Structures are given as structure tokens and as C-alpha cells.
Amino acid sequence: MKRPVLAANWKMNNGPTAAKKFMDAFLATYGRRDDRTVIVFAPSVSVSIVAASIGNRSDVIAGVQNIYWAEKGAFTGETSAAMARDAGARVTLVGHSERRHVFGETDEQCAKKCAAAARGGLSFMLCIGETIEQREAGETERLVKRQLREGLTQTENLISVDFSIAYEPVWAIGTGLTASAADASAIHTVIRSELRDMIGTRANEIPILYGGSVNSTNAASLLRAPEIDGLLVGGASVEASSWLSIAQT
């Protein structure tokens, strides 16, 4: 059984001052654990604060919510993989539903970001998932397979790259709606099977997380479901007390 991965996505919350307060409160109670990995995806301005708070702990990891695919240059407002790593991030989100549906990111752009993360020494968590219209049209399996394959198509040496996948149905992001554990597990099984077609038995080692209105009430049942290796948590991760409850599930 893989160690569960519990990932907090603060979204556009917790600037440096709030991030320091959050991490102090969280780590004061959350003792070192070897049975799970916790990731905190902070806004880029707060990554260094989160990383410094973590110190030399290996069970808690600083992450960044987004990177750009170029190494450097005239890209005002963007953050490269190298810059994120220098700030203390060890992993980046790629293709979160808000990046896709609010900012118009395409599968091709996600593929460039995954490749850039791997080149720059960052692990990446590729997010995939369907809208309610796609779900009702019976397109979920086809869509997640496409997003998975196209998102990874530009990453070289994929078998040896450190990455994970997050299935986050768009209709469940921030809506209070959550896929049932059985429904989420079924899609995770599809994703795992597709990964096996791509990279063989190495697919068994890749964490596949569920994200979509996860909270302290439903976290345990989701984690017990087959093929769900962890949780990507949004709104319920913004406050330290709420996140502590989920991280200890």
C-alpha cells in the first residue's frame, strides 16, 4: 500500500504573513509522520515562507501552484521551475481546473509545464477532470484519458520522472458537491489502467489523488476507496485547524 499523499492547495490565499502564521500553527501540532506525505501548494510569494517553516522535515513538502514552461526571459508575472525550486518548492501543480477553465490553459500548455518541471528538478502533479456537461454526456473516461496522455506527451524519460496525478472533476471544485468514493475510485481505476498502457508496472507507483470539495467529513471514506492514493484539498486547506484535521485522517 502506497503512503497517502495529502495536498493542500491554498489557491489565492495566505500571503507571506498568513502563511507563516498557518505553518506555525499547523506544525506545532502536526508531528513528524512516516506513514504519509503532506504537500502545501502555496502562492508563489509564500513558497519560501512555507519551505523555511518546514525546515528539514521530509514528511511535509512545499509546493507551488503554477510554473511557466520557459527557463527565463521576457515573461512578466511568470515563475520558472528553477525559480520555484530556488524558493524552496519541490513540486508544482499543473493544469488545475481553475488554470484550465479560468485562464484557458490547454493540454499542450500543460504538457509544456510538465516537461519544464521535470527538466527543472521539480516533481509535478498533473490535474485532470471533466465538467458537468462532459460527465452528463458520458465523456468522462475519454476526456481523462486524453488529458492524461496529452499532458505527459512532452515529458522525456517518463518512467523515471517523479510525478503524480490528481483527478478533480470540475463540477465538484468549490461547489460542495463531491464524487462518491465509488465513482471516484472507478475513474482512478481508468487512470491507472491508462498509465499502465503508457509506462507499464511503473504506473503502480504513481500516486493518484482525488480533489473536489474534500473536507474533514468525507476525507476518510475517500482515502479508503481502492486506487485513491491521496487527496488534493482546496477551500478546506486554507485554515490551519481545518487542514490539520484532514492531514491527520
C-alpha atoms as a PDB file:
ATOM      1  CA  MET A   1       0.000   0.000   0.000  1.00  0.00           C
ATOM      2  CA  LYS A   2       1.404   3.407  -1.003  1.00  0.00           C
ATOM      3  CA  ARG A   3       1.794   6.151   1.559  1.00  0.00           C
ATOM      4  CA  PRO A   4      -1.164   8.515   1.150  1.00  0.00           C
ATOM      5  CA  VAL A   5      -0.421  11.986  -0.161  1.00  0.00           C
ATOM      6  CA  LEU A   6      -2.420  14.808   1.411  1.00  0.00           C
ATOM      7  CA  ALA A   7      -2.056  18.022  -0.581  1.00  0.00           C
ATOM      8  CA  ALA A   8      -3.287  21.472   0.413  1.00  0.00           C
ATOM      9  CA  ASN A   9      -3.975  23.949  -2.397  1.00  0.00           C
ATOM     10  CA  TRP A  10      -4.333  27.378  -0.858  1.00  0.00           C
ATOM     11  CA  LYS A  11      -5.311  28.936  -4.205  1.00  0.00           C
ATOM     12  CA  MET A  12      -5.125  32.780  -3.960  1.00  0.00           C
ATOM     13  CA  ASN A  13      -4.989  32.813  -0.171  1.00  0.00           C
ATOM     14  CA  ASN A  14      -2.326  33.091   2.525  1.00  0.00           C
ATOM     15  CA  GLY A  15       0.297  35.651   1.597  1.00  0.00           C
ATOM     16  CA  PRO A  16       3.639  35.556   3.431  1.00  0.00           C
ATOM     17  CA  THR A  17       2.340  36.806   6.798  1.00  0.00           C
ATOM     18  CA  ALA A  18      -0.672  34.489   6.812  1.00  0.00           C
ATOM     19  CA  ALA A  19       1.458  31.614   5.511  1.00  0.00           C
ATOM     20  CA  LYS A  20       3.891  31.951   8.419  1.00  0.00           C
ATOM     21  CA  LYS A  21       1.027  32.018  10.919  1.00  0.00           C
ATOM     22  CA  PHE A  22      -0.580  28.970   9.265  1.00  0.00           C
ATOM     23  CA  MET A  23       2.615  26.911   9.199  1.00  0.00           C
ATOM     24  CA  ASP A  24       3.491  27.770  12.795  1.00  0.00           C
ATOM     25  CA  ALA A  25       0.057  26.655  13.968  1.00  0.00           C
ATOM     26  CA  PHE A  26      -0.024  23.535  11.792  1.00  0.00           C
ATOM     27  CA  LEU A  27       3.460  22.251  12.550  1.00  0.00           C
ATOM     28  CA  ALA A  28       3.122  22.950  16.279  1.00  0.00           C
ATOM     29  CA  THR A  29       0.518  20.173  16.397  1.00  0.00           C
ATOM     30  CA  TYR A  30       1.333  18.015  13.366  1.00  0.00           C
ATOM     31  CA  GLY A  31       4.224  15.838  14.496  1.00  0.00           C
ATOM     32  CA  ARG A  32       6.547  14.055  12.093  1.00  0.00           C
ATOM     33  CA  ARG A  33       4.834  11.080  10.431  1.00  0.00           C
ATOM     34  CA  ASP A  34       6.352   8.377   8.258  1.00  0.00           C
ATOM     35  CA  ASP A  35       3.034   6.928   7.086  1.00  0.00           C
ATOM     36  CA  ARG A  36       2.017   9.788   4.759  1.00  0.00           C
ATOM     37  CA  THR A  37       3.290  12.772   2.816  1.00  0.00           C
ATOM     38  CA  VAL A  38       1.834  16.271   3.196  1.00  0.00           C
ATOM     39  CA  ILE A  39       2.236  18.884   0.458  1.00  0.00           C
ATOM     40  CA  VAL A  40       1.384  22.561   0.842  1.00  0.00           C
ATOM     41  CA  PHE A  41       0.808  24.264  -2.527  1.00  0.00           C
ATOM     42  CA  ALA A  42       1.285  27.920  -1.686  1.00  0.00           C
ATOM     43  CA  PRO A  43       1.044  31.047  -3.868  1.00  0.00           C
ATOM     44  CA  SER A  44       4.470  31.783  -5.346  1.00  0.00           C
ATOM     45  CA  VAL A  45       5.008  34.750  -2.992  1.00  0.00           C
ATOM     46  CA  SER A  46       4.627  32.445   0.021  1.00  0.00           C
ATOM     47  CA  VAL A  47       6.613  29.391  -1.102  1.00  0.00           C
ATOM     48  CA  SER A  48       9.848  30.457   0.592  1.00  0.00           C
ATOM     49  CA  ILE A  49       7.986  31.064   3.866  1.00  0.00           C
ATOM     50  CA  VAL A  50       6.419  27.615   3.743  1.00  0.00           C
ATOM     51  CA  ALA A  51       9.734  25.959   2.862  1.00  0.00           C
ATOM     52  CA  ALA A  52      11.576  27.748   5.669  1.00  0.00           C
ATOM     53  CA  SER A  53       8.896  26.746   8.167  1.00  0.00           C
ATOM     54  CA  ILE A  54       9.192  23.091   7.134  1.00  0.00           C
ATOM     55  CA  GLY A  55      12.952  23.109   7.563  1.00  0.00           C
ATOM     56  CA  ASN A  56      14.500  19.640   7.308  1.00  0.00           C
ATOM     57  CA  ARG A  57      11.292  17.658   7.724  1.00  0.00           C
ATOM     58  CA  SER A  58      10.895  15.125   4.921  1.00  0.00           C
ATOM     59  CA  ASP A  59       7.234  14.318   5.544  1.00  0.00           C
ATOM     60  CA  VAL A  60       5.985  17.822   4.694  1.00  0.00           C
ATOM     61  CA  ILE A  61       6.802  19.367   1.310  1.00  0.00           C
ATOM     62  CA  ALA A  62       6.484  22.880  -0.094  1.00  0.00           C
ATOM     63  CA  GLY A  63       4.802  23.167  -3.471  1.00  0.00           C
ATOM     64  CA  VAL A  64       3.985  25.937  -5.922  1.00  0.00           C
ATOM     65  CA  GLN A  65       0.629  26.277  -7.675  1.00  0.00           C
ATOM     66  CA  ASN A  66       1.895  27.051 -11.158  1.00  0.00           C
ATOM     67  CA  ILE A  67       5.022  27.460 -13.282  1.00  0.00           C
ATOM     68  CA  TYR A  68       5.780  28.671 -16.794  1.00  0.00           C
ATOM     69  CA  TRP A  69       7.490  26.428 -19.330  1.00  0.00           C
ATOM     70  CA  ALA A  70      10.348  28.728 -20.309  1.00  0.00           C
ATOM     71  CA  GLU A  71      13.533  28.748 -18.245  1.00  0.00           C
ATOM     72  CA  LYS A  72      13.871  32.561 -18.256  1.00  0.00           C
ATOM     73  CA  GLY A  73      13.070  35.586 -20.369  1.00  0.00           C
ATOM     74  CA  ALA A  74      10.555  38.339 -21.054  1.00  0.00           C
ATOM     75  CA  PHE A  75       7.520  36.704 -19.424  1.00  0.00           C
ATOM     76  CA  THR A  76       6.340  39.278 -16.911  1.00  0.00           C
ATOM     77  CA  GLY A  77       4.451  37.782 -13.989  1.00  0.00           C
ATOM     78  CA  GLU A  78       5.527  34.197 -14.611  1.00  0.00           C
ATOM     79  CA  THR A  79       7.631  31.846 -12.475  1.00  0.00           C
ATOM     80  CA  SER A  80      10.022  29.265 -13.927  1.00  0.00           C
ATOM     81  CA  ALA A  81      10.672  25.816 -12.471  1.00  0.00           C
ATOM     82  CA  ALA A  82      14.166  26.903 -11.451  1.00  0.00           C
ATOM     83  CA  MET A  83      12.829  29.987  -9.657  1.00  0.00           C
ATOM     84  CA  ALA A  84      10.225  27.916  -7.806  1.00  0.00           C
ATOM     85  CA  ARG A  85      12.851  25.380  -6.794  1.00  0.00           C
ATOM     86  CA  ASP A  86      15.168  28.166  -5.618  1.00  0.00           C
ATOM     87  CA  ALA A  87      12.317  29.457  -3.430  1.00  0.00           C
ATOM     88  CA  GLY A  88      12.045  26.026  -1.801  1.00  0.00           C
ATOM     89  CA  ALA A  89       9.328  24.283  -3.827  1.00  0.00           C
ATOM     90  CA  ARG A  90       9.818  20.601  -4.580  1.00  0.00           C
ATOM     91  CA  VAL A  91       6.622  20.041  -6.557  1.00  0.00           C
ATOM     92  CA  THR A  92       4.254  22.041  -8.752  1.00  0.00           C
ATOM     93  CA  LEU A  93       0.634  21.733  -9.709  1.00  0.00           C
ATOM     94  CA  VAL A  94      -0.026  21.598 -13.445  1.00  0.00           C
ATOM     95  CA  GLY A  95      -3.388  22.039 -15.159  1.00  0.00           C
ATOM     96  CA  HIS A  96      -5.571  22.656 -12.129  1.00  0.00           C
ATOM     97  CA  SER A  97      -9.172  23.080 -13.251  1.00  0.00           C
ATOM     98  CA  GLU A  98      -9.057  26.787 -12.476  1.00  0.00           C
ATOM     99  CA  ARG A  99      -5.973  27.192 -14.655  1.00  0.00           C
ATOM    100  CA  ARG A 100      -7.766  25.361 -17.477  1.00  0.00           C
ATOM    101  CA  HIS A 101     -11.216  26.909 -17.196  1.00  0.00           C
ATOM    102  CA  VAL A 102     -10.497  30.394 -15.821  1.00  0.00           C
ATOM    103  CA  PHE A 103      -7.177  31.085 -17.560  1.00  0.00           C
ATOM    104  CA  GLY A 104      -7.691  28.960 -20.650  1.00  0.00           C
ATOM    105  CA  GLU A 105      -4.759  26.571 -20.288  1.00  0.00           C
ATOM    106  CA  THR A 106      -4.709  23.860 -22.935  1.00  0.00           C
ATOM    107  CA  ASP A 107      -3.481  20.278 -22.820  1.00  0.00           C
ATOM    108  CA  GLU A 108      -0.484  21.354 -24.912  1.00  0.00           C
ATOM    109  CA  GLN A 109       0.432  24.076 -22.415  1.00  0.00           C
ATOM    110  CA  CYS A 110       0.074  21.613 -19.562  1.00  0.00           C
ATOM    111  CA  ALA A 111       2.396  19.246 -21.406  1.00  0.00           C
ATOM    112  CA  LYS A 112       4.997  22.015 -21.713  1.00  0.00           C
ATOM    113  CA  LYS A 113       4.739  22.734 -17.986  1.00  0.00           C
ATOM    114  CA  CYS A 114       5.113  19.079 -17.009  1.00  0.00           C
ATOM    115  CA  ALA A 115       8.211  18.821 -19.199  1.00  0.00           C
ATOM    116  CA  ALA A 116       9.622  22.064 -17.788  1.00  0.00           C
ATOM    117  CA  ALA A 117       9.089  20.858 -14.224  1.00  0.00           C
ATOM    118  CA  ALA A 118      10.928  17.611 -14.923  1.00  0.00           C
ATOM    119  CA  ARG A 119      13.828  19.463 -16.581  1.00  0.00           C
ATOM    120  CA  GLY A 120      13.979  21.926 -13.703  1.00  0.00           C
ATOM    121  CA  GLY A 121      14.129  19.305 -10.970  1.00  0.00           C
ATOM    122  CA  LEU A 122      10.567  19.653  -9.727  1.00  0.00           C
ATOM    123  CA  SER A 123       8.070  16.885  -9.268  1.00  0.00           C
ATOM    124  CA  PHE A 124       4.714  17.697 -10.832  1.00  0.00           C
ATOM    125  CA  MET A 125       1.090  16.857 -10.072  1.00  0.00           C
ATOM    126  CA  LEU A 126      -0.947  16.851 -13.290  1.00  0.00           C
ATOM    127  CA  CYS A 127      -4.624  17.628 -12.698  1.00  0.00           C
ATOM    128  CA  ILE A 128      -7.294  16.154 -14.965  1.00  0.00           C
ATOM    129  CA  GLY A 129     -11.073  16.056 -14.828  1.00  0.00           C
ATOM    130  CA  GLU A 130     -14.391  16.653 -16.565  1.00  0.00           C
ATOM    131  CA  THR A 131     -17.056  19.360 -16.490  1.00  0.00           C
ATOM    132  CA  ILE A 132     -20.648  18.554 -15.547  1.00  0.00           C
ATOM    133  CA  GLU A 133     -21.657  18.768 -19.228  1.00  0.00           C
ATOM    134  CA  GLN A 134     -18.965  16.261 -20.191  1.00  0.00           C
ATOM    135  CA  ARG A 135     -19.965  13.979 -17.338  1.00  0.00           C
ATOM    136  CA  GLU A 136     -23.645  14.023 -18.292  1.00  0.00           C
ATOM    137  CA  ALA A 137     -22.685  13.307 -21.902  1.00  0.00           C
ATOM    138  CA  GLY A 138     -20.792  10.193 -20.812  1.00  0.00           C
ATOM    139  CA  GLU A 139     -17.431  11.613 -21.871  1.00  0.00           C
ATOM    140  CA  THR A 140     -15.563  11.333 -18.563  1.00  0.00           C
ATOM    141  CA  GLU A 141     -13.386   8.314 -19.383  1.00  0.00           C
ATOM    142  CA  ARG A 142     -12.477   9.557 -22.837  1.00  0.00           C
ATOM    143  CA  LEU A 143     -11.643  13.002 -21.507  1.00  0.00           C
ATOM    144  CA  VAL A 144      -9.428  11.967 -18.606  1.00  0.00           C
ATOM    145  CA  LYS A 145      -7.531   9.535 -20.838  1.00  0.00           C
ATOM    146  CA  ARG A 146      -6.903  12.320 -23.354  1.00  0.00           C
ATOM    147  CA  GLN A 147      -5.832  14.842 -20.741  1.00  0.00           C
ATOM    148  CA  LEU A 148      -3.521  12.273 -19.172  1.00  0.00           C
ATOM    149  CA  ARG A 149      -1.828  11.244 -22.405  1.00  0.00           C
ATOM    150  CA  GLU A 150      -1.546  14.744 -23.856  1.00  0.00           C
ATOM    151  CA  GLY A 151      -0.348  16.209 -20.571  1.00  0.00           C
ATOM    152  CA  LEU A 152       2.530  13.744 -20.380  1.00  0.00           C
ATOM    153  CA  THR A 153       3.416  13.612 -24.056  1.00  0.00           C
ATOM    154  CA  GLN A 154       6.339  16.075 -23.879  1.00  0.00           C
ATOM    155  CA  THR A 155       7.986  14.723 -20.727  1.00  0.00           C
ATOM    156  CA  GLU A 156      11.098  12.731 -21.558  1.00  0.00           C
ATOM    157  CA  ASN A 157      12.100   9.570 -19.645  1.00  0.00           C
ATOM    158  CA  LEU A 158       8.604   9.403 -18.174  1.00  0.00           C
ATOM    159  CA  ILE A 159       9.287   6.074 -16.468  1.00  0.00           C
ATOM    160  CA  SER A 160      11.913   7.671 -14.217  1.00  0.00           C
ATOM    161  CA  VAL A 161      10.282  11.079 -13.678  1.00  0.00           C
ATOM    162  CA  ASP A 162       8.794  11.898 -10.269  1.00  0.00           C
ATOM    163  CA  PHE A 163       5.148  12.837 -10.774  1.00  0.00           C
ATOM    164  CA  SER A 164       1.596  12.237  -9.581  1.00  0.00           C
ATOM    165  CA  ILE A 165      -1.910  12.661 -10.969  1.00  0.00           C
ATOM    166  CA  ALA A 166      -4.904  14.397  -9.415  1.00  0.00           C
ATOM    167  CA  TYR A 167      -8.397  13.566 -10.627  1.00  0.00           C
ATOM    168  CA  GLU A 168     -10.556  16.588  -9.898  1.00  0.00           C
ATOM    169  CA  PRO A 169     -13.994  16.638 -11.518  1.00  0.00           C
ATOM    170  CA  VAL A 170     -14.562  20.274 -12.396  1.00  0.00           C
ATOM    171  CA  TRP A 171     -18.190  20.118 -11.271  1.00  0.00           C
ATOM    172  CA  ALA A 172     -17.005  19.331  -7.737  1.00  0.00           C
ATOM    173  CA  ILE A 173     -14.414  22.094  -7.370  1.00  0.00           C
ATOM    174  CA  GLY A 174     -15.586  24.592  -4.767  1.00  0.00           C
ATOM    175  CA  THR A 175     -19.241  23.646  -5.237  1.00  0.00           C
ATOM    176  CA  GLY A 176     -19.744  21.490  -2.181  1.00  0.00           C
ATOM    177  CA  LEU A 177     -20.507  18.561  -4.486  1.00  0.00           C
ATOM    178  CA  THR A 178     -18.242  15.539  -4.211  1.00  0.00           C
ATOM    179  CA  ALA A 179     -17.994  12.426  -6.313  1.00  0.00           C
ATOM    180  CA  SER A 180     -18.906   9.368  -4.262  1.00  0.00           C
ATOM    181  CA  ALA A 181     -15.972   7.253  -3.143  1.00  0.00           C
ATOM    182  CA  ALA A 182     -17.138   4.532  -5.541  1.00  0.00           C
ATOM    183  CA  ASP A 183     -17.437   6.905  -8.511  1.00  0.00           C
ATOM    184  CA  ALA A 184     -14.050   8.476  -7.825  1.00  0.00           C
ATOM    185  CA  SER A 185     -12.483   5.042  -7.394  1.00  0.00           C
ATOM    186  CA  ALA A 186     -13.872   3.909 -10.749  1.00  0.00           C
ATOM    187  CA  ILE A 187     -12.250   6.837 -12.582  1.00  0.00           C
ATOM    188  CA  HIS A 188      -8.991   6.336 -10.689  1.00  0.00           C
ATOM    189  CA  THR A 189      -9.017   2.731 -11.936  1.00  0.00           C
ATOM    190  CA  VAL A 190      -9.401   4.013 -15.507  1.00  0.00           C
ATOM    191  CA  ILE A 191      -6.489   6.406 -14.996  1.00  0.00           C
ATOM    192  CA  ARG A 192      -4.289   3.680 -13.511  1.00  0.00           C
ATOM    193  CA  SER A 193      -5.055   1.367 -16.420  1.00  0.00           C
ATOM    194  CA  GLU A 194      -4.184   4.090 -18.921  1.00  0.00           C
ATOM    195  CA  LEU A 195      -0.929   4.776 -17.100  1.00  0.00           C
ATOM    196  CA  ARG A 196      -0.052   1.080 -17.266  1.00  0.00           C
ATOM    197  CA  ASP A 197      -0.519   1.202 -21.018  1.00  0.00           C
ATOM    198  CA  MET A 198       1.906   4.118 -21.111  1.00  0.00           C
ATOM    199  CA  ILE A 199       4.632   3.160 -18.623  1.00  0.00           C
ATOM    200  CA  GLY A 200       3.983  -0.443 -17.597  1.00  0.00           C
ATOM    201  CA  THR A 201       4.288  -1.532 -13.974  1.00  0.00           C
ATOM    202  CA  ARG A 202       5.830   1.822 -13.006  1.00  0.00           C
ATOM    203  CA  ALA A 203       2.206   3.043 -13.079  1.00  0.00           C
ATOM    204  CA  ASN A 204       1.551   1.134  -9.857  1.00  0.00           C
ATOM    205  CA  GLU A 205       3.907   3.509  -8.030  1.00  0.00           C
ATOM    206  CA  ILE A 206       2.308   6.749  -9.252  1.00  0.00           C
ATOM    207  CA  PRO A 207       0.048   8.384  -6.644  1.00  0.00           C
ATOM    208  CA  ILE A 208      -3.396   9.257  -7.981  1.00  0.00           C
ATOM    209  CA  LEU A 209      -5.170  11.798  -5.784  1.00  0.00           C
ATOM    210  CA  TYR A 210      -8.807  12.839  -5.679  1.00  0.00           C
ATOM    211  CA  GLY A 211      -9.763  16.510  -5.461  1.00  0.00           C
ATOM    212  CA  GLY A 212     -13.200  18.129  -5.370  1.00  0.00           C
ATOM    213  CA  SER A 213     -14.827  19.653  -2.267  1.00  0.00           C
ATOM    214  CA  VAL A 214     -12.837  17.395   0.052  1.00  0.00           C
ATOM    215  CA  ASN A 215     -13.310  18.160   3.729  1.00  0.00           C
ATOM    216  CA  SER A 216     -12.796  16.576   7.145  1.00  0.00           C
ATOM    217  CA  THR A 217     -16.157  14.805   6.876  1.00  0.00           C
ATOM    218  CA  ASN A 218     -15.554  12.912   3.627  1.00  0.00           C
ATOM    219  CA  ALA A 219     -11.757  12.573   3.654  1.00  0.00           C
ATOM    220  CA  ALA A 220     -11.604   9.222   5.443  1.00  0.00           C
ATOM    221  CA  SER A 221     -14.139   7.484   3.200  1.00  0.00           C
ATOM    222  CA  LEU A 222     -12.378   8.739   0.071  1.00  0.00           C
ATOM    223  CA  LEU A 223      -8.994   7.525   1.304  1.00  0.00           C
ATOM    224  CA  ARG A 224     -10.394   4.049   1.966  1.00  0.00           C
ATOM    225  CA  ALA A 225     -11.580   3.653  -1.627  1.00  0.00           C
ATOM    226  CA  PRO A 226      -9.497   1.478  -3.981  1.00  0.00           C
ATOM    227  CA  GLU A 227      -6.978   3.320  -6.190  1.00  0.00           C
ATOM    228  CA  ILE A 228      -7.360   6.625  -4.302  1.00  0.00           C
ATOM    229  CA  ASP A 229      -3.861   7.341  -3.040  1.00  0.00           C
ATOM    230  CA  GLY A 230      -4.457  10.731  -1.543  1.00  0.00           C
ATOM    231  CA  LEU A 231      -6.415  13.968  -1.587  1.00  0.00           C
ATOM    232  CA  LEU A 232      -5.967  17.391  -3.179  1.00  0.00           C
ATOM    233  CA  VAL A 233      -7.808  19.811  -0.917  1.00  0.00           C
ATOM    234  CA  GLY A 234      -8.779  23.382  -1.748  1.00  0.00           C
ATOM    235  CA  GLY A 235     -11.015  25.513   0.459  1.00  0.00           C
ATOM    236  CA  ALA A 236     -10.772  23.209   3.479  1.00  0.00           C
ATOM    237  CA  SER A 237      -6.979  23.611   3.488  1.00  0.00           C
ATOM    238  CA  VAL A 238      -6.836  27.390   3.821  1.00  0.00           C
ATOM    239  CA  GLU A 239      -7.244  27.411   7.622  1.00  0.00           C
ATOM    240  CA  ALA A 240      -4.689  25.550   9.731  1.00  0.00           C
ATOM    241  CA  SER A 241      -7.220  23.887  12.039  1.00  0.00           C
ATOM    242  CA  SER A 242      -9.278  22.521   9.162  1.00  0.00           C
ATOM    243  CA  TRP A 243      -6.207  21.300   7.303  1.00  0.00           C
ATOM    244  CA  LEU A 244      -4.817  19.651  10.433  1.00  0.00           C
ATOM    245  CA  SER A 245      -7.963  17.549  10.755  1.00  0.00           C
ATOM    246  CA  ILE A 246      -7.648  16.313   7.168  1.00  0.00           C
ATOM    247  CA  ALA A 247      -3.878  15.762   7.293  1.00  0.00           C
ATOM    248  CA  GLN A 248      -4.346  13.537  10.330  1.00  0.00           C
ATOM    249  CA  THR A 249      -7.132  11.454   8.728  1.00  0.00           C
END
